[in-house]
PDB file of N, CA and C in Angstrom:
ATOM      1  N   GLN A   1      26.191 -10.858  12.282  1.00  0.00           N
ATOM      2  CA  GLN A   1      25.198 -10.104  13.210  1.00  0.00           C
ATOM      3  C   GLN A   1      25.616  -8.168  13.151  1.00  0.00           C
ATOM      4  N   VAL A   2      24.787  -7.379  12.934  1.00  0.00           N
ATOM      5  CA  VAL A   2      24.957  -6.331  12.633  1.00  0.00           C
ATOM      6  C   VAL A   2      24.032  -5.423  14.407  1.00  0.00           C
ATOM      7  N   GLN A   3      24.857  -4.661  14.490  1.00  0.00           N
ATOM      8  CA  GLN A   3      24.089  -3.877  15.686  1.00  0.00           C
ATOM      9  C   GLN A   3      24.328  -2.772  15.290  1.00  0.00           C
ATOM     10  N   LEU A   4      23.395  -1.636  15.411  1.00  0.00           N
ATOM     11  CA  LEU A   4      22.698  -0.813  14.977  1.00  0.00           C
ATOM     12  C   LEU A   4      22.365   0.251  16.120  1.00  0.00           C
ATOM     13  N   VAL A   5      22.166   1.563  16.282  1.00  0.00           N
ATOM     14  CA  VAL A   5      22.942   2.489  17.706  1.00  0.00           C
ATOM     15  C   VAL A   5      22.561   3.868  16.574  1.00  0.00           C
ATOM     16  N   GLU A   6      21.292   3.950  17.059  1.00  0.00           N
ATOM     17  CA  GLU A   6      20.460   5.762  16.879  1.00  0.00           C
ATOM     18  C   GLU A   6      21.080   6.641  17.406  1.00  0.00           C
ATOM     19  N   SER A   7      21.256   7.910  16.962  1.00  0.00           N
ATOM     20  CA  SER A   7      21.509   8.866  18.274  1.00  0.00           C
ATOM     21  C   SER A   7      20.563  10.192  17.528  1.00  0.00           C
ATOM     22  N   GLY A   8      20.314  11.313  18.098  1.00  0.00           N
ATOM     23  CA  GLY A   8      20.392  12.518  17.716  1.00  0.00           C
ATOM     24  C   GLY A   8      18.716  12.720  17.676  1.00  0.00           C
ATOM     25  N   GLY A   9      17.777  12.067  18.176  1.00  0.00           N
ATOM     26  CA  GLY A   9      16.567  12.172  18.821  1.00  0.00           C
ATOM     27  C   GLY A   9      16.715  13.648  19.770  1.00  0.00           C
ATOM     28  N   GLY A  10      15.457  13.971  19.911  1.00  0.00           N
ATOM     29  CA  GLY A  10      14.999  14.733  21.494  1.00  0.00           C
ATOM     30  C   GLY A  10      14.120  15.448  21.071  1.00  0.00           C
ATOM     31  N   LEU A  11      13.607  16.950  21.777  1.00  0.00           N
ATOM     32  CA  LEU A  11      12.593  17.402  21.946  1.00  0.00           C
ATOM     33  C   LEU A  11      12.897  18.961  21.148  1.00  0.00           C
ATOM     34  N   VAL A  12      11.703  19.435  19.912  1.00  0.00           N
ATOM     35  CA  VAL A  12      11.801  19.968  18.984  1.00  0.00           C
ATOM     36  C   VAL A  12      10.505  20.713  18.695  1.00  0.00           C
ATOM     37  N   GLN A  13      10.274  22.176  18.631  1.00  0.00           N
ATOM     38  CA  GLN A  13       9.124  22.666  18.242  1.00  0.00           C
ATOM     39  C   GLN A  13       8.374  22.947  16.361  1.00  0.00           C
ATOM     40  N   ALA A  14       7.584  22.529  16.484  1.00  0.00           N
ATOM     41  CA  ALA A  14       7.488  22.566  15.166  1.00  0.00           C
ATOM     42  C   ALA A  14       7.557  23.551  14.658  1.00  0.00           C
ATOM     43  N   GLY A  15       8.401  22.839  12.664  1.00  0.00           N
ATOM     44  CA  GLY A  15       8.514  23.946  12.249  1.00  0.00           C
ATOM     45  C   GLY A  15      10.360  23.281  12.231  1.00  0.00           C
ATOM     46  N   GLY A  16      11.161  22.796  13.214  1.00  0.00           N
ATOM     47  CA  GLY A  16      12.344  23.183  13.426  1.00  0.00           C
ATOM     48  C   GLY A  16      12.931  21.859  12.336  1.00  0.00           C
ATOM     49  N   SER A  17      13.528  21.815  12.933  1.00  0.00           N
ATOM     50  CA  SER A  17      14.675  19.972  12.000  1.00  0.00           C
ATOM     51  C   SER A  17      15.495  19.296  13.156  1.00  0.00           C
ATOM     52  N   LEU A  18      15.478  18.086  12.835  1.00  0.00           N
ATOM     53  CA  LEU A  18      16.797  17.292  13.647  1.00  0.00           C
ATOM     54  C   LEU A  18      17.732  16.891  12.797  1.00  0.00           C
ATOM     55  N   ARG A  19      18.496  15.859  13.069  1.00  0.00           N
ATOM     56  CA  ARG A  19      19.388  15.106  11.619  1.00  0.00           C
ATOM     57  C   ARG A  19      19.575  13.993  13.206  1.00  0.00           C
ATOM     58  N   LEU A  20      18.553  12.664  13.089  1.00  0.00           N
ATOM     59  CA  LEU A  20      19.060  11.685  13.522  1.00  0.00           C
ATOM     60  C   LEU A  20      20.312  10.876  12.662  1.00  0.00           C
ATOM     61  N   SER A  21      21.129  10.192  13.639  1.00  0.00           N
ATOM     62  CA  SER A  21      22.168   8.740  12.726  1.00  0.00           C
ATOM     63  C   SER A  21      21.968   7.854  13.240  1.00  0.00           C
ATOM     64  N   CYS A  22      22.136   6.764  12.727  1.00  0.00           N
ATOM     65  CA  CYS A  22      22.135   5.560  12.760  1.00  0.00           C
ATOM     66  C   CYS A  22      24.074   4.872  12.811  1.00  0.00           C
ATOM     67  N   ALA A  23      24.681   4.261  13.416  1.00  0.00           N
ATOM     68  CA  ALA A  23      26.192   3.659  13.697  1.00  0.00           C
ATOM     69  C   ALA A  23      25.485   2.228  13.932  1.00  0.00           C
ATOM     70  N   ALA A  24      26.368   1.642  12.909  1.00  0.00           N
ATOM     71  CA  ALA A  24      26.568  -0.044  12.376  1.00  0.00           C
ATOM     72  C   ALA A  24      27.847  -0.299  12.642  1.00  0.00           C
ATOM     73  N   SER A  25      27.806  -1.545  13.291  1.00  0.00           N
ATOM     74  CA  SER A  25      29.131  -2.399  13.317  1.00  0.00           C
ATOM     75  C   SER A  25      29.044  -3.867  13.601  1.00  0.00           C
ATOM     76  N   GLY A  26      29.626  -4.362  13.501  1.00  0.00           N
ATOM     77  CA  GLY A  26      29.561  -6.286  13.369  1.00  0.00           C
ATOM     78  C   GLY A  26      29.085  -6.583  12.345  1.00  0.00           C
ATOM     79  N   GLY A  27      29.362  -5.774  11.294  1.00  0.00           N
ATOM     80  CA  GLY A  27      28.778  -6.322   9.661  1.00  0.00           C
ATOM     81  C   GLY A  27      29.697  -5.935   8.339  1.00  0.00           C
ATOM     82  N   THR A  28      28.987  -6.566   7.733  1.00  0.00           N
ATOM     83  CA  THR A  28      29.602  -5.354   6.163  1.00  0.00           C
ATOM     84  C   THR A  28      28.062  -4.777   6.099  1.00  0.00           C
ATOM     85  N   PHE A  29      28.711  -3.546   5.978  1.00  0.00           N
ATOM     86  CA  PHE A  29      27.365  -2.312   6.141  1.00  0.00           C
ATOM     87  C   PHE A  29      26.939  -2.546   4.960  1.00  0.00           C
ATOM     88  N   SER A  30      28.085  -2.147   3.519  1.00  0.00           N
ATOM     89  CA  SER A  30      27.737  -1.827   2.992  1.00  0.00           C
ATOM     90  C   SER A  30      26.560  -3.147   1.572  1.00  0.00           C
ATOM     91  N   THR A  31      26.993  -3.853   2.553  1.00  0.00           N
ATOM     92  CA  THR A  31      25.853  -4.965   1.618  1.00  0.00           C
ATOM     93  C   THR A  31      24.027  -5.085   2.183  1.00  0.00           C
ATOM     94  N   TYR A  32      24.082  -4.134   3.190  1.00  0.00           N
ATOM     95  CA  TYR A  32      22.598  -3.746   3.709  1.00  0.00           C
ATOM     96  C   TYR A  32      21.980  -2.734   2.880  1.00  0.00           C
ATOM     97  N   ASP A  33      20.702  -2.662   2.224  1.00  0.00           N
ATOM     98  CA  ASP A  33      20.362  -1.865   2.509  1.00  0.00           C
ATOM     99  C   ASP A  33      19.393  -1.280   3.884  1.00  0.00           C
ATOM    100  N   MET A  34      19.124   0.119   3.732  1.00  0.00           N
ATOM    101  CA  MET A  34      18.966   0.432   5.163  1.00  0.00           C
ATOM    102  C   MET A  34      17.988   1.609   5.241  1.00  0.00           C
ATOM    103  N   GLY A  35      17.335   1.353   6.206  1.00  0.00           N
ATOM    104  CA  GLY A  35      15.675   2.408   6.258  1.00  0.00           C
ATOM    105  C   GLY A  35      15.934   3.099   7.670  1.00  0.00           C
ATOM    106  N   TRP A  36      14.426   3.422   7.496  1.00  0.00           N
ATOM    107  CA  TRP A  36      14.283   4.566   9.191  1.00  0.00           C
ATOM    108  C   TRP A  36      12.678   3.610   9.363  1.00  0.00           C
ATOM    109  N   PHE A  37      12.076   3.558  10.803  1.00  0.00           N
ATOM    110  CA  PHE A  37      10.926   3.224  10.603  1.00  0.00           C
ATOM    111  C   PHE A  37      10.515   3.900  11.442  1.00  0.00           C
ATOM    112  N   ARG A  38       9.423   3.987  12.290  1.00  0.00           N
ATOM    113  CA  ARG A  38       8.768   5.247  13.522  1.00  0.00           C
ATOM    114  C   ARG A  38       7.313   4.434  13.978  1.00  0.00           C
ATOM    115  N   GLN A  39       7.407   4.666  15.505  1.00  0.00           N
ATOM    116  CA  GLN A  39       6.336   3.574  15.754  1.00  0.00           C
ATOM    117  C   GLN A  39       6.032   5.199  17.009  1.00  0.00           C
ATOM    118  N   ALA A  40       4.919   5.947  16.220  1.00  0.00           N
ATOM    119  CA  ALA A  40       4.287   6.696  17.408  1.00  0.00           C
ATOM    120  C   ALA A  40       3.094   5.793  18.595  1.00  0.00           C
ATOM    121  N   PRO A  41       3.311   6.710  19.927  1.00  0.00           N
ATOM    122  CA  PRO A  41       2.206   5.632  21.022  1.00  0.00           C
ATOM    123  C   PRO A  41       0.474   5.336  20.388  1.00  0.00           C
ATOM    124  N   GLY A  42       0.525   4.073  20.789  1.00  0.00           N
ATOM    125  CA  GLY A  42      -0.516   3.348  20.287  1.00  0.00           C
ATOM    126  C   GLY A  42      -0.837   2.881  19.187  1.00  0.00           C
ATOM    127  N   LYS A  43       0.341   2.916  18.469  1.00  0.00           N
ATOM    128  CA  LYS A  43       0.452   3.010  16.943  1.00  0.00           C
ATOM    129  C   LYS A  43       1.197   1.739  16.296  1.00  0.00           C
ATOM    130  N   GLU A  44       0.790   1.185  14.807  1.00  0.00           N
ATOM    131  CA  GLU A  44       1.470   0.316  14.281  1.00  0.00           C
ATOM    132  C   GLU A  44       3.436   0.914  13.961  1.00  0.00           C
ATOM    133  N   ARG A  45       4.066  -0.235  13.878  1.00  0.00           N
ATOM    134  CA  ARG A  45       5.608   0.887  13.530  1.00  0.00           C
ATOM    135  C   ARG A  45       5.700   0.810  12.254  1.00  0.00           C
ATOM    136  N   GLU A  46       5.769   2.055  11.193  1.00  0.00           N
ATOM    137  CA  GLU A  46       5.665   2.376   9.809  1.00  0.00           C
ATOM    138  C   GLU A  46       6.836   3.211   9.567  1.00  0.00           C
ATOM    139  N   PHE A  47       6.764   2.185   8.243  1.00  0.00           N
ATOM    140  CA  PHE A  47       7.768   2.754   7.484  1.00  0.00           C
ATOM    141  C   PHE A  47       8.697   4.581   7.145  1.00  0.00           C
ATOM    142  N   VAL A  48       8.999   4.930   6.859  1.00  0.00           N
ATOM    143  CA  VAL A  48       9.724   6.050   6.822  1.00  0.00           C
ATOM    144  C   VAL A  48      10.471   6.434   5.704  1.00  0.00           C
ATOM    145  N   ALA A  49      11.659   5.802   5.671  1.00  0.00           N
ATOM    146  CA  ALA A  49      12.424   6.135   4.367  1.00  0.00           C
ATOM    147  C   ALA A  49      13.657   5.189   4.400  1.00  0.00           C
ATOM    148  N   ALA A  50      14.120   4.555   3.098  1.00  0.00           N
ATOM    149  CA  ALA A  50      15.063   3.723   2.865  1.00  0.00           C
ATOM    150  C   ALA A  50      15.924   4.128   1.945  1.00  0.00           C
ATOM    151  N   ILE A  51      17.104   3.449   0.962  1.00  0.00           N
ATOM    152  CA  ILE A  51      17.775   3.771   1.132  1.00  0.00           C
ATOM    153  C   ILE A  51      18.497   2.283   0.505  1.00  0.00           C
ATOM    154  N   THR A  52      19.158   2.309  -0.821  1.00  0.00           N
ATOM    155  CA  THR A  52      19.564   0.827  -1.328  1.00  0.00           C
ATOM    156  C   THR A  52      21.434   1.018  -0.634  1.00  0.00           C
ATOM    157  N   ARG A  53      21.874  -0.245  -1.072  1.00  0.00           N
ATOM    158  CA  ARG A  53      23.170  -0.763  -0.271  1.00  0.00           C
ATOM    159  C   ARG A  53      24.335   0.844  -1.049  1.00  0.00           C
ATOM    160  N   LEU A  54      24.130   1.461  -2.343  1.00  0.00           N
ATOM    161  CA  LEU A  54      25.095   1.932  -2.215  1.00  0.00           C
ATOM    162  C   LEU A  54      24.503   3.306  -2.799  1.00  0.00           C
ATOM    163  N   GLY A  55      23.886   3.863  -1.996  1.00  0.00           N
ATOM    164  CA  GLY A  55      22.969   4.902  -2.126  1.00  0.00           C
ATOM    165  C   GLY A  55      22.023   5.475  -3.642  1.00  0.00           C
ATOM    166  N   ILE A  56      22.188   5.040  -3.813  1.00  0.00           N
ATOM    167  CA  ILE A  56      21.473   5.187  -5.693  1.00  0.00           C
ATOM    168  C   ILE A  56      20.078   5.354  -5.623  1.00  0.00           C
ATOM    169  N   SER A  57      19.359   4.688  -4.566  1.00  0.00           N
ATOM    170  CA  SER A  57      17.940   5.291  -4.798  1.00  0.00           C
ATOM    171  C   SER A  57      17.992   5.059  -3.011  1.00  0.00           C
ATOM    172  N   THR A  58      16.572   5.855  -3.186  1.00  0.00           N
ATOM    173  CA  THR A  58      15.866   6.059  -2.325  1.00  0.00           C
ATOM    174  C   THR A  58      14.200   6.065  -2.133  1.00  0.00           C
ATOM    175  N   SER A  59      13.708   5.629  -1.063  1.00  0.00           N
ATOM    176  CA  SER A  59      11.835   5.816  -1.046  1.00  0.00           C
ATOM    177  C   SER A  59      11.716   6.343   0.292  1.00  0.00           C
ATOM    178  N   TYR A  60      10.277   7.387   0.107  1.00  0.00           N
ATOM    179  CA  TYR A  60      10.176   7.516   1.527  1.00  0.00           C
ATOM    180  C   TYR A  60       8.177   7.263   1.480  1.00  0.00           C
ATOM    181  N   VAL A  61       7.903   7.833   2.761  1.00  0.00           N
ATOM    182  CA  VAL A  61       6.665   7.548   2.931  1.00  0.00           C
ATOM    183  C   VAL A  61       5.657   9.052   2.290  1.00  0.00           C
ATOM    184  N   ASP A  62       4.802   8.792   1.792  1.00  0.00           N
ATOM    185  CA  ASP A  62       4.509  10.435   1.311  1.00  0.00           C
ATOM    186  C   ASP A  62       4.173  11.272   2.631  1.00  0.00           C
ATOM    187  N   SER A  63       3.844  11.280   3.584  1.00  0.00           N
ATOM    188  CA  SER A  63       3.997  12.241   4.594  1.00  0.00           C
ATOM    189  C   SER A  63       5.001  12.722   4.762  1.00  0.00           C
ATOM    190  N   VAL A  64       6.421  12.545   4.189  1.00  0.00           N
ATOM    191  CA  VAL A  64       7.769  12.921   4.838  1.00  0.00           C
ATOM    192  C   VAL A  64       8.143  13.435   3.231  1.00  0.00           C
ATOM    193  N   LYS A  65       7.378  13.087   2.301  1.00  0.00           N
ATOM    194  CA  LYS A  65       8.616  13.836   1.333  1.00  0.00           C
ATOM    195  C   LYS A  65       8.737  14.983   0.933  1.00  0.00           C
ATOM    196  N   GLY A  66      10.263  15.344   0.606  1.00  0.00           N
ATOM    197  CA  GLY A  66      10.206  16.781   0.624  1.00  0.00           C
ATOM    198  C   GLY A  66      10.263  17.457   2.171  1.00  0.00           C
ATOM    199  N   ARG A  67      10.282  16.596   2.769  1.00  0.00           N
ATOM    200  CA  ARG A  67      10.956  17.403   4.296  1.00  0.00           C
ATOM    201  C   ARG A  67      12.167  16.497   4.711  1.00  0.00           C
ATOM    202  N   PHE A  68      12.210  14.928   4.896  1.00  0.00           N
ATOM    203  CA  PHE A  68      12.727  14.468   5.179  1.00  0.00           C
ATOM    204  C   PHE A  68      14.077  13.969   4.056  1.00  0.00           C
ATOM    205  N   THR A  69      15.260  13.250   4.694  1.00  0.00           N
ATOM    206  CA  THR A  69      16.221  13.396   3.639  1.00  0.00           C
ATOM    207  C   THR A  69      17.311  11.871   4.004  1.00  0.00           C
ATOM    208  N   ILE A  70      17.145  10.746   3.409  1.00  0.00           N
ATOM    209  CA  ILE A  70      18.091  10.028   3.778  1.00  0.00           C
ATOM    210  C   ILE A  70      19.452   9.737   3.633  1.00  0.00           C
ATOM    211  N   SER A  71      20.573   9.544   3.723  1.00  0.00           N
ATOM    212  CA  SER A  71      21.956   9.587   3.464  1.00  0.00           C
ATOM    213  C   SER A  71      22.378   8.464   3.748  1.00  0.00           C
ATOM    214  N   ARG A  72      23.247   8.446   3.788  1.00  0.00           N
ATOM    215  CA  ARG A  72      24.220   7.030   4.134  1.00  0.00           C
ATOM    216  C   ARG A  72      25.923   7.460   3.792  1.00  0.00           C
ATOM    217  N   ASP A  73      26.597   6.497   4.090  1.00  0.00           N
ATOM    218  CA  ASP A  73      28.023   6.603   3.537  1.00  0.00           C
ATOM    219  C   ASP A  73      28.678   5.202   4.629  1.00  0.00           C
ATOM    220  N   ASN A  74      29.184   4.898   3.469  1.00  0.00           N
ATOM    221  CA  ASN A  74      29.606   3.620   3.719  1.00  0.00           C
ATOM    222  C   ASN A  74      30.888   3.005   4.035  1.00  0.00           C
ATOM    223  N   VAL A  75      31.861   4.516   4.235  1.00  0.00           N
ATOM    224  CA  VAL A  75      33.006   4.120   5.135  1.00  0.00           C
ATOM    225  C   VAL A  75      32.974   5.065   6.462  1.00  0.00           C
ATOM    226  N   GLN A  76      31.942   5.742   6.748  1.00  0.00           N
ATOM    227  CA  GLN A  76      31.376   5.445   8.234  1.00  0.00           C
ATOM    228  C   GLN A  76      30.520   4.451   8.770  1.00  0.00           C
ATOM    229  N   ASN A  77      30.312   4.210   7.924  1.00  0.00           N
ATOM    230  CA  ASN A  77      29.160   2.533   8.525  1.00  0.00           C
ATOM    231  C   ASN A  77      27.996   3.259   9.242  1.00  0.00           C
ATOM    232  N   ALA A  78      27.662   4.283   8.237  1.00  0.00           N
ATOM    233  CA  ALA A  78      26.335   5.278   9.081  1.00  0.00           C
ATOM    234  C   ALA A  78      25.298   5.787   8.030  1.00  0.00           C
ATOM    235  N   VAL A  79      24.257   5.558   8.388  1.00  0.00           N
ATOM    236  CA  VAL A  79      23.540   5.847   7.689  1.00  0.00           C
ATOM    237  C   VAL A  79      22.609   7.501   9.180  1.00  0.00           C
ATOM    238  N   TRP A  80      21.818   8.122   7.874  1.00  0.00           N
ATOM    239  CA  TRP A  80      21.051   9.490   8.529  1.00  0.00           C
ATOM    240  C   TRP A  80      20.126   9.755   8.126  1.00  0.00           C
ATOM    241  N   LEU A  81      19.079  10.429   8.574  1.00  0.00           N
ATOM    242  CA  LEU A  81      17.992  11.218   8.850  1.00  0.00           C
ATOM    243  C   LEU A  81      17.440  11.953   8.910  1.00  0.00           C
ATOM    244  N   GLN A  82      17.398  13.209   8.122  1.00  0.00           N
ATOM    245  CA  GLN A  82      17.485  14.979   8.161  1.00  0.00           C
ATOM    246  C   GLN A  82      16.271  15.269   7.836  1.00  0.00           C
ATOM    247  N   MET A  83      15.849  15.837   8.964  1.00  0.00           N
ATOM    248  CA  MET A  83      14.327  15.727   9.476  1.00  0.00           C
ATOM    249  C   MET A  83      13.934  17.647   9.654  1.00  0.00           C
ATOM    250  N   ASN A  84      13.812  17.940   8.556  1.00  0.00           N
ATOM    251  CA  ASN A  84      13.231  19.190   8.016  1.00  0.00           C
ATOM    252  C   ASN A  84      11.463  19.998   8.543  1.00  0.00           C
ATOM    253  N   GLY A  85      11.101  20.707   8.744  1.00  0.00           N
ATOM    254  CA  GLY A  85       9.791  21.303   8.511  1.00  0.00           C
ATOM    255  C   GLY A  85       8.951  19.535  10.282  1.00  0.00           C
ATOM    256  N   LEU A  86       9.591  20.073  10.688  1.00  0.00           N
ATOM    257  CA  LEU A  86       9.286  18.847  11.524  1.00  0.00           C
ATOM    258  C   LEU A  86       7.486  19.641  12.347  1.00  0.00           C
ATOM    259  N   LYS A  87       6.697  18.625  12.124  1.00  0.00           N
ATOM    260  CA  LYS A  87       5.492  18.216  12.642  1.00  0.00           C
ATOM    261  C   LYS A  87       5.429  17.412  13.945  1.00  0.00           C
ATOM    262  N   THR A  88       4.275  18.104  14.617  1.00  0.00           N
ATOM    263  CA  THR A  88       3.203  17.414  15.460  1.00  0.00           C
ATOM    264  C   THR A  88       3.391  15.975  15.432  1.00  0.00           C
ATOM    265  N   GLU A  89       2.688  15.656  14.373  1.00  0.00           N
ATOM    266  CA  GLU A  89       2.121  14.347  13.905  1.00  0.00           C
ATOM    267  C   GLU A  89       3.678  13.422  13.802  1.00  0.00           C
ATOM    268  N   ASP A  90       4.732  13.953  13.704  1.00  0.00           N
ATOM    269  CA  ASP A  90       6.248  13.362  13.231  1.00  0.00           C
ATOM    270  C   ASP A  90       6.892  12.633  14.896  1.00  0.00           C
ATOM    271  N   THR A  91       5.992  13.203  15.938  1.00  0.00           N
ATOM    272  CA  THR A  91       6.286  12.403  16.996  1.00  0.00           C
ATOM    273  C   THR A  91       5.941  10.702  16.939  1.00  0.00           C
ATOM    274  N   ALA A  92       7.788  10.471  17.465  1.00  0.00           N
ATOM    275  CA  ALA A  92       7.660   9.095  17.318  1.00  0.00           C
ATOM    276  C   ALA A  92       8.609   8.648  17.924  1.00  0.00           C
ATOM    277  N   VAL A  93       9.261   7.205  17.979  1.00  0.00           N
ATOM    278  CA  VAL A  93      10.191   6.815  18.458  1.00  0.00           C
ATOM    279  C   VAL A  93      10.495   6.179  16.876  1.00  0.00           C
ATOM    280  N   TYR A  94      12.082   6.640  16.621  1.00  0.00           N
ATOM    281  CA  TYR A  94      12.619   6.227  15.234  1.00  0.00           C
ATOM    282  C   TYR A  94      13.338   5.379  15.188  1.00  0.00           C
ATOM    283  N   TYR A  95      13.298   3.987  14.203  1.00  0.00           N
ATOM    284  CA  TYR A  95      14.322   3.097  14.178  1.00  0.00           C
ATOM    285  C   TYR A  95      14.719   2.886  13.027  1.00  0.00           C
ATOM    286  N   CYS A  96      16.274   2.761  13.264  1.00  0.00           N
ATOM    287  CA  CYS A  96      17.312   2.239  12.609  1.00  0.00           C
ATOM    288  C   CYS A  96      16.769   0.990  11.798  1.00  0.00           C
ATOM    289  N   ALA A  97      16.779   0.348  10.764  1.00  0.00           N
ATOM    290  CA  ALA A  97      16.666  -0.981  10.075  1.00  0.00           C
ATOM    291  C   ALA A  97      17.947  -1.086   8.984  1.00  0.00           C
ATOM    292  N   ALA A  98      18.095  -2.152   9.119  1.00  0.00           N
ATOM    293  CA  ALA A  98      19.614  -2.760   7.887  1.00  0.00           C
ATOM    294  C   ALA A  98      18.555  -4.028   7.585  1.00  0.00           C
ATOM    295  N   GLY A  99      18.199  -4.107   6.002  1.00  0.00           N
ATOM    296  CA  GLY A  99      17.583  -4.949   5.280  1.00  0.00           C
ATOM    297  C   GLY A  99      17.840  -5.266   4.088  1.00  0.00           C
ATOM    298  N   ARG A 100      16.695  -5.402   3.213  1.00  0.00           N
ATOM    299  CA  ARG A 100      16.730  -5.955   1.382  1.00  0.00           C
ATOM    300  C   ARG A 100      15.585  -5.125   1.149  1.00  0.00           C
ATOM    301  N   TRP A 101      16.266  -4.340  -0.156  1.00  0.00           N
ATOM    302  CA  TRP A 101      15.633  -3.869  -1.137  1.00  0.00           C
ATOM    303  C   TRP A 101      14.695  -4.423  -1.643  1.00  0.00           C
ATOM    304  N   SER A 102      14.876  -5.807  -2.000  1.00  0.00           N
ATOM    305  CA  SER A 102      14.375  -6.161  -2.673  1.00  0.00           C
ATOM    306  C   SER A 102      12.886  -7.781  -2.268  1.00  0.00           C
ATOM    307  N   ALA A 103      13.406  -7.541  -0.984  1.00  0.00           N
ATOM    308  CA  ALA A 103      12.164  -7.989  -0.328  1.00  0.00           C
ATOM    309  C   ALA A 103      11.248  -6.844   0.085  1.00  0.00           C
ATOM    310  N   GLY A 104      11.113  -5.700  -0.511  1.00  0.00           N
ATOM    311  CA  GLY A 104      10.455  -5.078   0.106  1.00  0.00           C
ATOM    312  C   GLY A 104      10.701  -3.992   1.277  1.00  0.00           C
ATOM    313  N   LEU A 105      11.672  -3.884   1.335  1.00  0.00           N
ATOM    314  CA  LEU A 105      11.956  -2.616   2.548  1.00  0.00           C
ATOM    315  C   LEU A 105      11.607  -1.332   1.727  1.00  0.00           C
ATOM    316  N   SER A 106      11.711  -0.781   0.938  1.00  0.00           N
ATOM    317  CA  SER A 106      11.384   0.609   0.098  1.00  0.00           C
ATOM    318  C   SER A 106       9.849   0.821   0.732  1.00  0.00           C
ATOM    319  N   ARG A 107       9.157  -0.588   0.544  1.00  0.00           N
ATOM    320  CA  ARG A 107       7.597  -0.539   0.693  1.00  0.00           C
ATOM    321  C   ARG A 107       7.115  -0.822   2.419  1.00  0.00           C
ATOM    322  N   GLY A 108       8.415  -0.486   3.088  1.00  0.00           N
ATOM    323  CA  GLY A 108       7.628  -0.638   4.634  1.00  0.00           C
ATOM    324  C   GLY A 108       7.874  -2.344   5.013  1.00  0.00           C
ATOM    325  N   ASN A 109       8.163  -2.882   4.442  1.00  0.00           N
ATOM    326  CA  ASN A 109       7.785  -4.138   4.771  1.00  0.00           C
ATOM    327  C   ASN A 109       9.011  -4.952   5.450  1.00  0.00           C
ATOM    328  N   ARG A 110       8.467  -4.757   6.622  1.00  0.00           N
ATOM    329  CA  ARG A 110       9.137  -5.028   8.035  1.00  0.00           C
ATOM    330  C   ARG A 110       9.745  -6.881   7.937  1.00  0.00           C
ATOM    331  N   ALA A 111       8.989  -8.045   7.129  1.00  0.00           N
ATOM    332  CA  ALA A 111       9.696  -8.641   6.921  1.00  0.00           C
ATOM    333  C   ALA A 111      11.133  -8.833   6.448  1.00  0.00           C
ATOM    334  N   ALA A 112      11.318  -7.440   5.372  1.00  0.00           N
ATOM    335  CA  ALA A 112      12.553  -7.670   4.118  1.00  0.00           C
ATOM    336  C   ALA A 112      13.837  -6.775   5.976  1.00  0.00           C
ATOM    337  N   VAL A 113      13.270  -6.791   6.478  1.00  0.00           N
ATOM    338  CA  VAL A 113      14.328  -6.015   8.060  1.00  0.00           C
ATOM    339  C   VAL A 113      15.096  -7.710   8.675  1.00  0.00           C
ATOM    340  N   ASP A 114      16.189  -7.244   8.605  1.00  0.00           N
ATOM    341  CA  ASP A 114      17.154  -8.205   9.325  1.00  0.00           C
ATOM    342  C   ASP A 114      17.385  -7.922  10.491  1.00  0.00           C
ATOM    343  N   TYR A 115      17.610  -6.483  11.034  1.00  0.00           N
ATOM    344  CA  TYR A 115      18.423  -6.035  12.315  1.00  0.00           C
ATOM    345  C   TYR A 115      17.909  -5.222  12.705  1.00  0.00           C
ATOM    346  N   TRP A 116      17.439  -4.027  13.327  1.00  0.00           N
ATOM    347  CA  TRP A 116      16.443  -3.192  14.465  1.00  0.00           C
ATOM    348  C   TRP A 116      17.339  -2.404  15.253  1.00  0.00           C
ATOM    349  N   GLY A 117      17.406  -0.914  15.355  1.00  0.00           N
ATOM    350  CA  GLY A 117      18.544  -0.661  16.126  1.00  0.00           C
ATOM    351  C   GLY A 117      17.120  -0.825  17.318  1.00  0.00           C
ATOM    352  N   GLN A 118      17.848  -0.091  18.714  1.00  0.00           N
ATOM    353  CA  GLN A 118      17.165   0.133  20.358  1.00  0.00           C
ATOM    354  C   GLN A 118      16.351   1.501  19.896  1.00  0.00           C
ATOM    355  N   GLY A 119      16.151   2.200  18.931  1.00  0.00           N
ATOM    356  CA  GLY A 119      15.501   3.581  18.365  1.00  0.00           C
ATOM    357  C   GLY A 119      15.746   4.704  19.483  1.00  0.00           C
ATOM    358  N   THR A 120      15.419   5.557  18.884  1.00  0.00           N
ATOM    359  CA  THR A 120      15.738   7.206  19.392  1.00  0.00           C
ATOM    360  C   THR A 120      14.447   7.942  19.088  1.00  0.00           C
ATOM    361  N   GLN A 121      14.101   8.794  20.355  1.00  0.00           N
ATOM    362  CA  GLN A 121      12.866   9.315  21.126  1.00  0.00           C
ATOM    363  C   GLN A 121      12.421  11.125  20.004  1.00  0.00           C
ATOM    364  N   VAL A 122      11.913  11.105  18.976  1.00  0.00           N
ATOM    365  CA  VAL A 122      11.619  12.565  18.971  1.00  0.00           C
ATOM    366  C   VAL A 122      10.255  13.136  19.103  1.00  0.00           C
ATOM    367  N   THR A 123      10.353  14.340  19.080  1.00  0.00           N
ATOM    368  CA  THR A 123       9.141  14.950  20.089  1.00  0.00           C
ATOM    369  C   THR A 123       8.667  16.285  19.582  1.00  0.00           C
ATOM    370  N   VAL A 124       7.997  16.304  18.999  1.00  0.00           N
ATOM    371  CA  VAL A 124       8.065  17.738  18.150  1.00  0.00           C
ATOM    372  C   VAL A 124       6.577  18.429  18.918  1.00  0.00           C
ATOM    373  N   SER A 125       6.918  19.032  19.109  1.00  0.00           N
ATOM    374  CA  SER A 125       6.386  20.431  20.326  1.00  0.00           C
ATOM    375  C   SER A 125       5.040  21.570  19.417  1.00  0.00           C
ATOM    376  N   SER A 126       3.813  21.257  19.960  1.00  0.00           N
ATOM    377  CA  SER A 126       3.193  22.729  18.728  1.00  0.00           C
ATOM    378  C   SER A 126       3.753  23.985  19.427  1.00  0.00           C
TER     379      SER A 126
END
């Protein structure tokens, strides 16, 4: 059983930056591919980014490419999402996810997620 705890959310002006963190415990972190999803009010939870277990490959939804960067450290058991050039449409609750790249995590397949964090709110003001 893996526990995921996100932090780093908050209120930021458009054009600003935030760095989300996700701390993992209770399992073998390096055996999981990791991802970030987000859910805005009244919308479906959507894929944002994913990274393979050794950090060799990454995947991003088109709307964040060039602005967001996912990274991980298997010694610290952590994954991060660096978000630059934030836009008001990035406002959402962001969720950390542990799952399987081979099952479609990199394409945003929620069935490929084995564990979810509780989420952290990101609000971007204009």
